[in-house]
Every structure is written in C-alpha cells, then in structure tokens.
Amino acid sequence: MPTAAPPEAARGIGASVETLSPQQREMLETGLRFVRSSLTMDVQEPTDTVVASRTAALNQLAELERHFGMKPR
C-alpha cells in the first residue's frame, strides 16, 4: 500500500535544511532576499489582481523561508 507524500512534497518543497552546506544555505538566503526585493520593488498599478498576485508570491516566499529555518521578513 503506497504511503502519503510528506506535506513538504505536496507543496513542492523537497530539500531539507540538513542537506544544505553552509555555502548553499547562504546562497539560498541571498537568492530569497533578492526575490523578495524584486517582488516588493516591482512598480505596477496596484490593481486587485496585481496586489493578490504579489501577496500570493510573498506568502510562498515566507513559506520557503520557514521551511529552511530562516526568519521570514
């Protein structure tokens, strides 16, 4: 009988913090900060669709930060 996928796999998050080297973790944190800056500094007319899309992306980013043990900003 097949087992259920772990919650992380269901959300598309497969790597664990333990498998990352310190350099990989630093690279990941730097990349996530860059992505957050890019999302928040993207100048667009704040329509409902744009705001909802940006909020969803920032929520996904915060979930990734929590998954890898980073402090969400």
Protein backbone atom coordinates (compact mmCIF):
# COMPACT_ATOMS: atom_id res chain seq x y z
CA MET A 1 0.00 0.00 0.00
CA PRO A 2 1.53 3.39 -1.00
CA THR A 3 2.25 5.90 1.70
CA ALA A 4 1.16 9.51 1.57
CA ALA A 5 3.71 12.05 0.44
CA PRO A 6 5.13 14.25 3.19
CA PRO A 7 3.48 17.69 3.44
CA GLU A 8 6.61 19.34 2.01
CA ALA A 9 6.41 17.21 -1.13
CA ALA A 10 2.76 18.09 -1.56
CA ARG A 11 3.74 21.79 -1.58
CA GLY A 12 6.63 21.19 -3.99
CA ILE A 13 9.33 21.62 -1.35
CA GLY A 14 11.67 18.66 -1.47
CA ALA A 15 15.00 19.60 0.07
CA SER A 16 15.64 19.67 3.78
CA VAL A 17 17.82 22.08 5.71
CA GLU A 18 20.11 19.24 6.82
CA THR A 19 21.15 18.51 3.23
CA LEU A 20 22.43 22.04 2.60
CA SER A 21 26.03 23.04 3.14
CA PRO A 22 26.67 26.41 4.81
CA GLN A 23 27.56 27.88 1.41
CA GLN A 24 24.37 26.53 -0.17
CA ARG A 25 22.28 27.91 2.69
CA GLU A 26 23.90 31.33 2.29
CA MET A 27 23.26 31.23 -1.45
CA LEU A 28 19.63 30.28 -0.84
CA GLU A 29 19.14 33.07 1.70
CA THR A 30 20.74 35.61 -0.65
CA GLY A 31 18.54 34.42 -3.52
CA LEU A 32 15.38 34.60 -1.44
CA ARG A 33 16.25 38.14 -0.31
CA PHE A 34 16.77 39.11 -3.97
CA VAL A 35 13.42 37.59 -4.95
CA ARG A 36 11.66 39.39 -2.07
CA SER A 37 13.22 42.72 -3.12
CA SER A 38 12.24 42.12 -6.72
CA LEU A 39 8.63 41.40 -5.75
CA THR A 40 8.27 44.37 -3.46
CA MET A 41 10.01 46.86 -5.76
CA ASP A 42 8.15 45.91 -8.93
CA VAL A 43 6.35 49.11 -9.90
CA GLN A 44 2.88 48.39 -11.24
CA GLU A 45 -0.55 49.93 -10.93
CA PRO A 46 -1.87 48.40 -7.68
CA THR A 47 -4.93 46.71 -9.16
CA ASP A 48 -6.67 43.96 -7.18
CA THR A 49 -5.05 41.35 -9.45
CA VAL A 50 -1.54 42.75 -9.01
CA VAL A 51 -1.91 43.04 -5.24
CA ALA A 52 -3.32 39.49 -4.96
CA SER A 53 -0.55 38.07 -7.13
CA ARG A 54 2.18 39.88 -5.17
CA THR A 55 0.65 38.78 -1.84
CA ALA A 56 0.48 35.15 -3.00
CA ALA A 57 4.11 35.24 -4.16
CA LEU A 58 5.26 36.81 -0.88
CA ASN A 59 3.33 34.18 1.08
CA GLN A 60 5.04 31.40 -0.90
CA LEU A 61 8.38 33.05 -0.24
CA ALA A 62 7.65 33.22 3.50
CA GLU A 63 6.74 29.52 3.44
CA LEU A 64 10.09 28.70 1.83
CA GLU A 65 11.89 30.80 4.43
CA ARG A 66 10.10 28.95 7.23
CA HIS A 67 10.83 25.58 5.62
CA PHE A 68 14.56 26.31 5.54
CA GLY A 69 14.57 27.74 9.06
CA MET A 70 15.02 31.34 8.01
CA LYS A 71 13.28 34.19 9.73
CA PRO A 72 10.51 35.40 7.38
CA ARG A 73 10.68 39.14 6.79
